[in-house]
Amino acid sequence: MTDRFDIIVIGSGAGGGTLARALASTGARMLILERGEAVPQEPSNWDPVEVWKHLRYRSEEQWLDEQGHEFLPYMHYNVGGNSKFWGSVLFRLRVEDFGELTHRGGVSPAWPIDYATLAPFYDRAERMYCVHGEVGIDPTEPPRGAYPHPPIPHSAEMAVLVAKLRTLGFHPLPLPLALIDPGEPGGCVLCNTCNSFPCRIHKKGDAEVCGVMPALQHDNVTLWTGAHAERLHTDPSGQRVVAVDVRRGNATIRVEADLFIVSCGAVNSAALLLRSASDRHKDGLANSSGLVGRRYMAHHATMMEGFNPWRVNRTVFQKTVAINDYYLRGPDDEFPLGQIQSQGRTHGVMAQTAYPMIPVWAYDAWVKRGVDWLAMSEDLPDATNRVVVTADGRIQLDYRPNNNDTHRRLVAVTKQMLKDLGFRAVVAHSHGSRNTTHQCGTLCFGRDSRTSVLDEYCRAHDLDNLFVVDASFFPSSAAVNPALTIIAQALRVADYIASTRLGQAMTASRRDTRTPAATDSAVSSN
């Protein structure tokens, strides 16, 4: 017998997890499909050797690059998705990011919505994910009220650097961080394994803790783990999705619903639609524009470490500073460069993964005297940068970064800034064309079905009941972390579904007398 629900959410990350929580109180019978399992709470969560050397939580799935060579993407298939491993930085896009913005390397296109449209949902997103920050310091800050929580204090060492940055003419600001009760009994302990590690005590604001777990408090919400969505099916007209094939273990089952929300991440959401090709949708589902999988973007991201051999860095929680002075214009022209952030502490074994020929003890000595930073620039949409599903069903990322000169300039000014702060040497590392963090743009939204895949509420132009809510809807990548914008749009889409779609869907679903599956035994809230 085929299982049936009102809503099926495919993916439990920032988009899917947030939508599940936002729609849970509607009473709709909702199924969340997650291809992985819950990350166990265990000592290995905070062990750099387990996380970075043994890749304990990383997917083993190999993708192909633009030359057809295999590589291991930075992907985690688990409840909460990649958000379990993010650094908790939740920035709003700037007002200018929603409009057309000229870069040295090309044009960043306008969005079909503006900042004011998303502002109230940014407010709700920050409250839901427990964001800490401070208003009034950032020169690029959009109009907004106070953060829900005060900023995370800088360590003594970082406070010294912040003071020096101000004397150099910069405007350093506290990073907006999603942390739960930091410094309080039973709260976040502000450890040195936040960035790229899962939180052992569930005090990071991630999509499992802030989205999925609250959603599962409602009896109408079901979570299936180990459930890989392989293909979507439409009705004979090709205008509505009616079912999804789900592989669980060695079996594949068909599950039906009236509304489908795909939130697998920009690469996997595009791949799912491409794999769902049919007689009615020969080039993939929702692909009348030919843009499914195209316009892939990932930020130019260079990790940098300032090193001083005579200064030991005793900071534990280091990720507290951001600099947006070059976000909208560089120091010597009118073109944007991007953002600079301090990062979580690098451990020796983490550095060794980039250059394994050097012994880990040497890296330990190095990073003990270093401060970690990230320079991040906007990647521009290009239709030739795309996600492809090969004939044997594998994912190929045909991607060549652009706007490269912009990022080289940002890296150069960041190096100079670090030298002016007293660091004797600066080491830089980038993943280049194999960067899969901050992936976005593969199913962009817009008002014209000829030039976009989704409408402004992330509903597919070609299908009445298919929504896609993850960073794939981004028309441009901006140069701040995309997570808060995914969350805010998920809340906006949830309001739209609840007010315009859900009543009809639930009425139609209840005409079917078949009984949906009970809450699955694999459900875990840790």
Protein backbone atom coordinates (compact mmCIF):
# COMPACT_ATOMS: atom_id res chain seq x y z
CA MET A 1 0.00 0.00 0.00
CA THR A 2 1.33 3.45 -0.90
CA ASP A 3 1.92 5.87 2.00
CA ARG A 4 0.28 9.26 1.67
CA PHE A 5 0.82 12.62 3.38
CA ASP A 6 -0.33 16.20 2.92
CA ILE A 7 3.24 17.47 2.57
CA ILE A 8 6.55 15.78 1.88
CA VAL A 9 9.72 17.73 2.72
CA ILE A 10 12.83 16.26 1.11
CA GLY A 11 15.87 17.28 3.12
CA SER A 12 16.20 18.45 6.73
CA GLY A 13 18.76 21.25 6.48
CA ALA A 14 18.30 25.02 6.79
CA GLY A 15 15.48 25.07 4.23
CA GLY A 16 13.66 21.82 4.96
CA GLY A 17 14.16 21.85 8.72
CA THR A 18 12.90 25.42 9.01
CA LEU A 19 9.87 24.77 6.79
CA ALA A 20 8.98 21.67 8.79
CA ARG A 21 8.91 23.62 12.03
CA ALA A 22 7.00 26.53 10.48
CA LEU A 23 4.30 24.24 9.04
CA ALA A 24 4.11 21.76 11.92
CA SER A 25 1.44 23.70 13.80
CA THR A 26 -0.92 23.71 10.80
CA GLY A 27 -1.99 20.14 11.48
CA ALA A 28 -0.94 19.00 8.01
CA ARG A 29 0.32 15.42 7.88
CA MET A 30 3.94 16.00 7.01
CA LEU A 31 6.78 13.62 6.16
CA ILE A 32 10.41 14.72 6.32
CA LEU A 33 12.76 12.59 4.25
CA GLU A 34 16.42 12.59 5.27
CA ARG A 35 18.88 10.37 3.43
CA GLY A 36 21.25 10.19 6.40
CA GLU A 37 20.85 9.50 10.11
CA ALA A 38 21.02 11.77 13.12
CA VAL A 39 24.58 12.69 14.14
CA PRO A 40 25.18 10.88 17.45
CA GLN A 41 26.13 12.96 20.47
CA GLU A 42 29.53 11.48 21.30
CA PRO A 43 33.09 12.52 22.22
CA SER A 44 34.10 12.30 18.55
CA ASN A 45 31.96 15.36 17.81
CA TRP A 46 34.74 17.53 19.21
CA ASP A 47 37.72 15.42 18.13
CA PRO A 48 39.69 17.08 15.27
CA VAL A 49 41.30 13.76 14.32
CA GLU A 50 37.93 12.04 13.95
CA VAL A 51 36.23 14.95 12.17
CA TRP A 52 39.05 16.08 9.87
CA LYS A 53 41.44 13.16 9.43
CA HIS A 54 39.07 10.20 9.60
CA LEU A 55 36.16 12.23 8.12
CA ARG A 56 33.85 10.45 10.53
CA TYR A 57 30.73 12.40 9.53
CA ARG A 58 31.44 13.24 5.89
CA SER A 59 29.62 11.59 3.03
CA GLU A 60 31.72 9.04 1.15
CA GLU A 61 29.99 9.94 -2.11
CA GLN A 62 32.42 10.98 -4.83
CA TRP A 63 31.45 13.66 -7.34
CA LEU A 64 33.15 14.47 -10.64
CA ASP A 65 34.77 17.82 -11.37
CA GLU A 66 34.75 19.73 -14.66
CA GLN A 67 37.44 17.43 -16.06
CA GLY A 68 35.70 14.24 -14.99
CA HIS A 69 38.04 13.58 -12.06
CA GLU A 70 36.60 12.28 -8.81
CA PHE A 71 36.67 14.41 -5.67
CA LEU A 72 35.11 14.25 -2.22
CA PRO A 73 32.70 17.16 -1.76
CA TYR A 74 32.17 18.85 1.58
CA MET A 75 28.79 17.19 2.16
CA HIS A 76 27.14 15.74 5.25
CA TYR A 77 24.01 13.63 4.89
CA ASN A 78 22.39 13.66 8.30
CA VAL A 79 19.48 15.21 10.16
CA GLY A 80 20.08 18.95 9.95
CA GLY A 81 22.18 18.61 6.81
CA ASN A 82 25.35 20.66 6.47
CA SER A 83 24.03 23.07 9.11
CA LYS A 84 25.27 20.61 11.75
CA PHE A 85 28.79 21.57 10.67
CA TRP A 86 28.43 25.25 9.89
CA GLY A 87 30.17 27.95 11.90
CA SER A 88 26.86 29.48 13.05
CA VAL A 89 27.38 32.76 11.16
CA LEU A 90 23.96 34.08 10.13
CA PHE A 91 24.28 37.35 8.16
CA ARG A 92 21.53 39.18 6.36
CA LEU A 93 22.16 40.07 2.73
CA ARG A 94 22.86 43.76 2.28
CA VAL A 95 20.17 45.97 0.66
CA GLU A 96 22.41 46.31 -2.40
CA ASP A 97 22.63 42.52 -2.80
CA PHE A 98 18.97 42.43 -3.84
CA GLY A 99 19.57 44.85 -6.72
CA GLU A 100 21.84 44.76 -9.74
CA LEU A 101 25.43 45.27 -8.64
CA THR A 102 28.39 45.77 -10.97
CA HIS A 103 31.60 43.94 -10.10
CA ARG A 104 34.99 44.09 -11.74
CA GLY A 105 34.27 40.63 -13.20
CA GLY A 106 30.69 41.21 -14.35
CA VAL A 107 27.19 41.94 -13.09
CA SER A 108 25.44 40.44 -10.09
CA PRO A 109 21.76 40.38 -11.13
CA ALA A 110 18.78 41.73 -9.21
CA TRP A 111 16.46 39.50 -7.20
CA PRO A 112 12.69 39.38 -7.81
CA ILE A 113 12.20 40.56 -4.22
CA ASP A 114 13.87 43.35 -2.27
CA TYR A 115 15.34 43.58 1.20
CA ALA A 116 12.14 45.08 2.67
CA THR A 117 10.19 42.00 1.55
CA LEU A 118 12.46 39.65 3.45
CA ALA A 119 13.19 41.91 6.46
CA PRO A 120 10.35 40.66 8.73
CA PHE A 121 11.33 37.08 7.95
CA TYR A 122 14.95 37.86 8.78
CA ASP A 123 13.65 39.04 12.16
CA ARG A 124 11.80 35.76 12.71
CA ALA A 125 14.75 33.72 11.46
CA GLU A 126 17.12 35.36 13.94
CA ARG A 127 14.74 34.65 16.80
CA MET A 128 14.21 31.03 15.75
CA TYR A 129 17.96 30.37 15.46
CA CYS A 130 19.01 32.35 18.58
CA VAL A 131 21.27 34.85 16.78
CA HIS A 132 23.59 37.10 18.79
CA GLY A 133 24.82 40.40 17.36
CA GLU A 134 25.03 44.17 17.67
CA VAL A 135 23.41 46.89 15.58
CA GLY A 136 25.01 50.17 14.55
CA ILE A 137 28.64 49.25 13.84
CA ASP A 138 28.54 47.77 10.35
CA PRO A 139 28.81 50.48 7.64
CA THR A 140 26.88 48.26 5.18
CA GLU A 141 24.15 47.22 7.63
CA PRO A 142 20.60 47.19 6.25
CA PRO A 143 17.73 48.80 8.18
CA ARG A 144 16.85 46.61 11.13
CA GLY A 145 15.96 46.42 14.80
CA ALA A 146 18.03 44.99 17.62
CA TYR A 147 19.31 41.41 17.52
CA PRO A 148 17.41 38.94 19.71
CA HIS A 149 20.54 38.40 21.83
CA PRO A 150 23.65 40.47 22.67
CA PRO A 151 26.91 39.85 20.80
CA ILE A 152 29.37 37.16 21.82
CA PRO A 153 32.22 38.94 23.65
CA HIS A 154 35.67 38.92 22.06
CA SER A 155 38.45 37.07 23.83
CA ALA A 156 41.24 39.19 25.32
CA GLU A 157 43.49 38.51 22.33
CA MET A 158 40.76 39.26 19.78
CA ALA A 159 39.76 42.42 21.65
CA VAL A 160 43.32 43.71 21.21
CA LEU A 161 43.12 43.03 17.46
CA VAL A 162 39.71 44.72 17.24
CA ALA A 163 41.14 47.84 18.89
CA LYS A 164 44.06 47.84 16.44
CA LEU A 165 41.69 47.40 13.50
CA ARG A 166 39.85 50.54 14.59
CA THR A 167 43.10 52.50 14.75
CA LEU A 168 43.78 51.34 11.18
CA GLY A 169 40.45 52.86 10.11
CA PHE A 170 38.39 49.66 9.90
CA HIS A 171 34.94 49.10 11.39
CA PRO A 172 35.16 45.63 12.98
CA LEU A 173 31.83 44.26 14.15
CA PRO A 174 30.67 41.26 16.14
CA LEU A 175 29.82 38.29 13.93
CA PRO A 176 26.11 37.41 14.11
CA LEU A 177 26.26 33.94 15.65
CA ALA A 178 23.54 31.33 16.20
CA LEU A 179 24.46 29.97 19.65
CA ILE A 180 22.14 28.84 22.41
CA ASP A 181 22.64 30.31 25.90
CA PRO A 182 26.40 30.91 25.53
CA GLY A 183 28.26 31.05 28.82
CA GLU A 184 25.17 30.13 30.84
CA PRO A 185 24.73 26.92 32.86
CA GLY A 186 23.78 24.18 30.44
CA GLY A 187 24.37 26.44 27.44
CA CYS A 188 27.02 26.82 24.74
CA VAL A 189 30.50 26.49 26.25
CA LEU A 190 32.20 28.60 23.54
CA CYS A 191 34.64 25.83 22.67
CA ASN A 192 37.34 25.69 19.99
CA THR A 193 35.46 23.07 17.92
CA CYS A 194 32.40 24.98 16.71
CA ASN A 195 33.38 25.82 13.16
CA SER A 196 33.03 22.66 10.98
CA PHE A 197 32.32 20.38 13.98
CA PRO A 198 28.95 19.07 15.20
CA CYS A 199 27.92 20.34 18.63
CA ARG A 200 28.09 17.54 21.17
CA ILE A 201 25.69 19.32 23.53
CA HIS A 202 23.19 20.62 20.92
CA LYS A 203 23.83 24.28 21.71
CA LYS A 204 24.64 25.39 18.18
CA GLY A 205 21.75 26.99 16.30
CA ASP A 206 21.47 24.41 13.53
CA ALA A 207 18.53 23.06 11.54
CA GLU A 208 18.13 19.92 13.63
CA VAL A 209 18.05 21.73 16.96
CA CYS A 210 16.07 24.79 15.83
CA GLY A 211 13.95 23.21 13.08
CA VAL A 212 13.49 19.44 13.03
CA MET A 213 13.41 18.70 16.75
CA PRO A 214 10.69 21.30 17.50
CA ALA A 215 8.71 20.09 14.47
CA LEU A 216 8.76 16.51 15.79
CA GLN A 217 7.00 17.66 18.95
CA HIS A 218 3.85 17.69 16.79
CA ASP A 219 2.11 14.34 16.26
CA ASN A 220 1.35 15.19 12.62
CA VAL A 221 5.06 15.33 11.68
CA THR A 222 7.00 12.18 10.74
CA LEU A 223 10.73 11.86 10.06
CA TRP A 224 12.20 9.04 8.01
CA THR A 225 15.98 8.75 8.22
CA GLY A 226 18.04 6.64 5.87
CA ALA A 227 15.49 7.67 3.25
CA HIS A 228 17.00 8.74 -0.09
CA ALA A 229 14.59 10.44 -2.52
CA GLU A 230 15.55 9.10 -5.93
CA ARG A 231 12.89 10.35 -8.30
CA LEU A 232 9.73 12.49 -8.43
CA HIS A 233 6.69 11.40 -10.46
CA THR A 234 4.03 13.61 -12.01
CA ASP A 235 0.40 12.97 -12.97
CA PRO A 236 -0.41 12.22 -16.65
CA SER A 237 -0.73 15.95 -17.41
CA GLY A 238 2.81 16.56 -16.16
CA GLN A 239 1.58 19.57 -14.18
CA ARG A 240 1.58 18.15 -10.64
CA VAL A 241 3.98 15.97 -8.68
CA VAL A 242 2.12 13.02 -7.21
CA ALA A 243 4.79 10.77 -5.69
CA VAL A 244 8.43 10.26 -4.82
CA ASP A 245 10.45 7.06 -4.95
CA VAL A 246 12.30 6.61 -1.67
CA ARG A 247 15.13 4.14 -1.19
CA ARG A 248 15.40 2.79 2.36
CA GLY A 249 17.96 0.07 2.76
CA ASN A 250 17.50 -2.42 -0.05
CA ALA A 251 13.90 -1.42 -0.80
CA THR A 252 12.40 1.39 -2.81
CA ILE A 253 8.92 2.57 -1.84
CA ARG A 254 6.58 5.07 -3.41
CA VAL A 255 5.17 7.86 -1.22
CA GLU A 256 2.40 10.23 -2.31
CA ALA A 257 1.47 13.74 -1.19
CA ASP A 258 -0.33 16.85 -2.35
CA LEU A 259 2.57 19.24 -1.80
CA PHE A 260 6.27 18.54 -2.28
CA ILE A 261 9.08 20.68 -0.91
CA VAL A 262 12.60 19.87 -2.13
CA SER A 263 15.38 21.09 0.16
CA CYS A 264 18.36 18.88 -0.66
CA GLY A 265 20.92 21.65 -1.20
CA ALA A 266 21.68 23.43 -4.46
CA VAL A 267 23.54 20.51 -6.05
CA ASN A 268 21.34 17.64 -4.93
CA SER A 269 18.05 19.47 -5.51
CA ALA A 270 19.04 20.14 -9.11
CA ALA A 271 20.21 16.54 -9.48
CA LEU A 272 16.88 15.22 -8.18
CA LEU A 273 14.94 17.25 -10.73
CA LEU A 274 17.27 16.16 -13.52
CA ARG A 275 16.89 12.50 -12.50
CA SER A 276 13.11 12.93 -12.59
CA ALA A 277 12.97 13.36 -16.38
CA SER A 278 9.93 11.80 -18.07
CA ASP A 279 8.01 11.89 -21.33
CA ARG A 280 6.37 15.13 -20.19
CA HIS A 281 9.64 16.58 -18.87
CA LYS A 282 12.33 15.18 -21.15
CA ASP A 283 15.10 17.48 -19.90
CA GLY A 284 14.27 17.07 -16.24
CA LEU A 285 11.46 18.19 -14.00
CA ALA A 286 10.63 21.94 -13.98
CA ASN A 287 13.15 22.54 -16.77
CA SER A 288 11.22 24.32 -19.52
CA SER A 289 13.70 27.20 -19.15
CA GLY A 290 16.67 24.86 -19.60
CA LEU A 291 18.18 26.33 -16.41
CA VAL A 292 17.85 23.42 -14.00
CA GLY A 293 21.35 22.81 -12.67
CA ARG A 294 22.82 25.89 -14.37
CA ARG A 295 24.25 29.08 -12.79
CA TYR A 296 25.97 27.14 -10.00
CA MET A 297 27.77 29.49 -7.63
CA ALA A 298 30.01 29.00 -4.61
CA HIS A 299 31.77 31.82 -2.85
CA HIS A 300 35.41 32.55 -3.48
CA ALA A 301 36.67 31.58 -0.04
CA THR A 302 40.31 31.74 1.04
CA MET A 303 41.30 30.61 4.50
CA MET A 304 44.12 32.73 5.88
CA GLU A 305 46.22 32.44 9.01
CA GLY A 306 48.25 35.28 10.40
CA PHE A 307 51.33 33.97 12.21
CA ASN A 308 53.60 35.53 14.79
CA PRO A 309 56.35 33.21 16.14
CA TRP A 310 56.68 35.20 19.38
CA ARG A 311 53.00 35.47 20.23
CA VAL A 312 50.97 32.49 21.51
CA ASN A 313 47.25 32.81 20.77
CA ARG A 314 45.40 31.66 23.89
CA THR A 315 41.96 32.32 22.42
CA VAL A 316 39.53 29.42 22.66
CA PHE A 317 36.47 30.82 20.89
CA GLN A 318 37.94 32.96 18.12
CA LYS A 319 35.10 33.36 15.61
CA THR A 320 33.70 36.72 16.75
CA VAL A 321 34.87 39.42 14.28
CA ALA A 322 33.72 40.54 10.84
CA ILE A 323 34.89 43.39 8.58
CA ASN A 324 32.63 44.74 5.84
CA ASP A 325 34.62 47.85 4.90
CA TYR A 326 35.37 46.41 1.45
CA TYR A 327 32.01 44.76 0.93
CA LEU A 328 30.59 47.38 -1.46
CA ARG A 329 33.80 49.01 -2.69
CA GLY A 330 37.52 48.40 -2.58
CA PRO A 331 40.10 50.77 -1.14
CA ASP A 332 41.01 52.25 -4.53
CA ASP A 333 37.94 51.91 -6.79
CA GLU A 334 34.13 51.58 -6.85
CA PHE A 335 33.92 47.80 -7.22
CA PRO A 336 32.90 45.47 -4.37
CA LEU A 337 35.52 43.12 -2.94
CA GLY A 338 33.75 41.10 -0.24
CA GLN A 339 33.86 40.25 3.45
CA ILE A 340 36.53 39.33 5.99
CA GLN A 341 35.74 37.15 9.01
CA SER A 342 37.70 35.67 11.85
CA GLN A 343 37.36 31.88 11.96
CA GLY A 344 37.27 29.15 14.55
CA ARG A 345 40.64 27.88 15.76
CA THR A 346 42.51 25.67 13.33
CA HIS A 347 43.90 22.45 14.81
CA GLY A 348 47.13 21.00 13.51
CA VAL A 349 45.47 17.95 11.97
CA MET A 350 43.08 20.24 10.08
CA ALA A 351 45.97 22.11 8.48
CA GLN A 352 47.68 18.83 7.67
CA THR A 353 44.76 17.75 5.47
CA ALA A 354 45.77 20.50 3.02
CA TYR A 355 49.50 19.72 3.03
CA PRO A 356 49.96 16.18 4.44
CA MET A 357 53.72 15.97 3.87
CA ILE A 358 54.42 18.15 6.93
CA PRO A 359 54.22 16.39 10.35
CA VAL A 360 51.28 17.31 12.56
CA TRP A 361 53.52 18.49 15.45
CA ALA A 362 54.85 21.25 13.20
CA TYR A 363 51.32 22.35 12.38
CA ASP A 364 50.38 22.26 16.07
CA ALA A 365 53.26 24.63 16.83
CA TRP A 366 52.25 26.87 13.93
CA VAL A 367 48.53 27.17 14.65
CA LYS A 368 49.24 27.76 18.35
CA ARG A 369 50.76 31.07 17.27
CA GLY A 370 48.24 31.90 14.55
CA VAL A 371 44.91 33.66 14.17
CA ASP A 372 42.51 32.32 11.53
CA TRP A 373 40.61 34.46 9.02
CA LEU A 374 38.42 34.03 5.95
CA ALA A 375 38.33 36.30 2.89
CA MET A 376 35.09 35.78 0.95
CA SER A 377 34.04 37.31 -2.39
CA GLU A 378 31.00 36.98 -4.61
CA ASP A 379 30.90 34.37 -7.35
CA LEU A 380 28.80 35.51 -10.33
CA PRO A 381 26.12 33.43 -12.11
CA ASP A 382 27.21 31.82 -15.37
CA ALA A 383 24.99 29.37 -17.26
CA THR A 384 28.01 27.25 -18.20
CA ASN A 385 28.69 26.53 -14.52
CA ARG A 386 26.33 23.69 -13.90
CA VAL A 387 25.33 20.50 -12.13
CA VAL A 388 25.11 17.51 -14.49
CA VAL A 389 23.81 14.01 -13.87
CA THR A 390 25.90 11.58 -15.91
CA ALA A 391 24.52 8.61 -17.83
CA ASP A 392 25.32 6.33 -14.90
CA GLY A 393 23.56 8.66 -12.45
CA ARG A 394 26.57 10.40 -10.88
CA ILE A 395 26.82 14.09 -10.03
CA GLN A 396 29.28 16.15 -12.04
CA LEU A 397 30.08 19.70 -11.04
CA ASP A 398 31.14 21.52 -14.20
CA TYR A 399 32.35 24.70 -12.53
CA ARG A 400 34.94 27.36 -13.18
CA PRO A 401 35.01 30.26 -10.69
CA ASN A 402 34.75 33.79 -12.09
CA ASN A 403 35.19 37.29 -10.70
CA ASN A 404 38.66 36.04 -9.81
CA ASP A 405 40.47 39.37 -9.89
CA THR A 406 38.06 40.72 -7.28
CA HIS A 407 38.95 37.92 -4.91
CA ARG A 408 42.69 38.26 -5.53
CA ARG A 409 42.40 41.92 -4.52
CA LEU A 410 40.46 41.04 -1.36
CA VAL A 411 43.07 38.44 -0.41
CA ALA A 412 45.82 41.02 -1.01
CA VAL A 413 44.22 43.70 1.16
CA THR A 414 43.48 41.12 3.86
CA LYS A 415 47.13 40.03 3.88
CA GLN A 416 48.20 43.64 4.22
CA MET A 417 45.69 44.16 7.03
CA LEU A 418 47.09 41.17 8.90
CA LYS A 419 50.66 42.40 8.46
CA ASP A 420 49.59 45.81 9.76
CA LEU A 421 48.18 44.00 12.81
CA GLY A 422 51.67 42.62 13.50
CA PHE A 423 51.54 39.15 11.94
CA ARG A 424 54.93 38.26 10.47
CA ALA A 425 53.61 35.75 7.92
CA VAL A 426 50.28 34.92 6.32
CA VAL A 427 49.39 31.51 4.87
CA ALA A 428 46.41 31.17 2.50
CA HIS A 429 44.49 28.18 1.16
CA SER A 430 41.46 27.86 -1.16
CA HIS A 431 39.49 24.89 -2.56
CA GLY A 432 38.97 26.68 -5.89
CA SER A 433 36.70 24.93 -8.37
CA ARG A 434 35.99 22.08 -5.94
CA ASN A 435 34.37 24.39 -3.40
CA THR A 436 30.97 23.01 -2.41
CA THR A 437 30.37 25.14 0.69
CA HIS A 438 27.85 27.96 0.27
CA GLN A 439 26.62 26.29 -2.94
CA CYS A 440 23.73 28.13 -4.57
CA GLY A 441 21.99 29.26 -7.75
CA THR A 442 21.10 26.05 -9.61
CA LEU A 443 17.31 26.64 -9.62
CA CYS A 444 17.10 30.42 -9.53
CA PHE A 445 13.82 32.18 -8.79
CA GLY A 446 12.28 35.02 -10.77
CA ARG A 447 9.09 36.32 -12.34
CA ASP A 448 9.75 35.16 -15.91
CA SER A 449 9.45 31.40 -16.51
CA ARG A 450 11.75 31.71 -19.52
CA THR A 451 14.67 32.96 -17.43
CA SER A 452 14.07 31.28 -14.07
CA VAL A 453 13.01 27.91 -12.65
CA LEU A 454 11.04 29.04 -9.60
CA ASP A 455 8.66 31.91 -8.88
CA GLU A 456 9.23 34.40 -6.07
CA TYR A 457 7.73 31.95 -3.55
CA CYS A 458 10.06 29.18 -4.76
CA ARG A 459 7.28 27.28 -6.53
CA ALA A 460 8.32 25.69 -9.81
CA HIS A 461 6.92 27.63 -12.77
CA ASP A 462 6.13 24.35 -14.53
CA LEU A 463 4.43 22.49 -11.67
CA ASP A 464 1.62 23.61 -9.43
CA ASN A 465 2.63 21.83 -6.22
CA LEU A 466 6.44 21.65 -6.24
CA PHE A 467 8.51 24.05 -4.13
CA VAL A 468 12.31 24.15 -3.80
CA VAL A 469 13.68 25.90 -0.72
CA ASP A 470 17.44 25.90 -0.25
CA ALA A 471 20.16 28.13 -1.69
CA SER A 472 19.42 26.85 -5.20
CA PHE A 473 16.87 29.68 -5.56
CA PHE A 474 19.55 32.40 -5.26
CA PRO A 475 19.94 34.53 -8.45
CA SER A 476 23.25 35.80 -7.06
CA SER A 477 25.54 34.59 -4.30
CA ALA A 478 26.30 37.93 -2.57
CA ALA A 479 29.36 37.72 -0.29
CA VAL A 480 27.94 36.76 3.08
CA ASN A 481 27.00 33.34 4.41
CA PRO A 482 23.71 32.26 2.73
CA ALA A 483 22.15 30.41 5.67
CA LEU A 484 20.00 33.18 7.19
CA THR A 485 18.56 34.06 3.79
CA ILE A 486 17.61 30.41 3.22
CA ILE A 487 15.92 30.34 6.63
CA ALA A 488 14.10 33.64 6.09
CA GLN A 489 12.82 32.59 2.67
CA ALA A 490 11.73 29.23 4.12
CA LEU A 491 9.59 31.10 6.65
CA ARG A 492 8.17 33.30 3.89
CA VAL A 493 7.35 30.26 1.75
CA ALA A 494 5.79 28.50 4.76
CA ASP A 495 3.47 31.49 5.32
CA TYR A 496 2.52 31.44 1.64
CA ILE A 497 1.80 27.71 1.66
CA ALA A 498 -0.22 27.91 4.88
CA SER A 499 -2.34 30.82 3.66
CA THR A 500 -2.92 29.86 0.02
CA ARG A 501 -2.24 26.18 -0.54
CA LEU A 502 -2.52 24.09 2.56
CA GLY A 503 -6.30 24.00 3.02
CA GLN A 504 -6.86 22.73 -0.50
CA ALA A 505 -4.07 20.17 -0.18
CA MET A 506 -5.35 18.81 3.13
CA THR A 507 -8.90 18.58 1.81
CA ALA A 508 -7.72 16.64 -1.23
CA SER A 509 -5.55 14.38 0.90
CA ARG A 510 -8.37 13.48 3.24
CA ARG A 511 -10.47 12.24 0.34
CA ASP A 512 -8.03 9.34 0.19
CA THR A 513 -9.06 6.76 2.79
CA ARG A 514 -5.66 5.12 2.97
CA THR A 515 -3.89 5.47 6.29
CA PRO A 516 -0.49 7.19 6.35
CA ALA A 517 2.41 5.45 7.99
CA ALA A 518 2.83 6.00 11.70
CA THR A 519 5.86 7.79 13.04
CA ASP A 520 8.85 5.76 11.92
CA SER A 521 11.03 3.92 14.39
CA ALA A 522 14.11 5.61 12.91
CA VAL A 523 12.99 9.02 14.22
CA SER A 524 15.63 10.40 16.51
CA SER A 525 15.87 13.70 18.30
CA ASN A 526 19.06 12.75 20.13
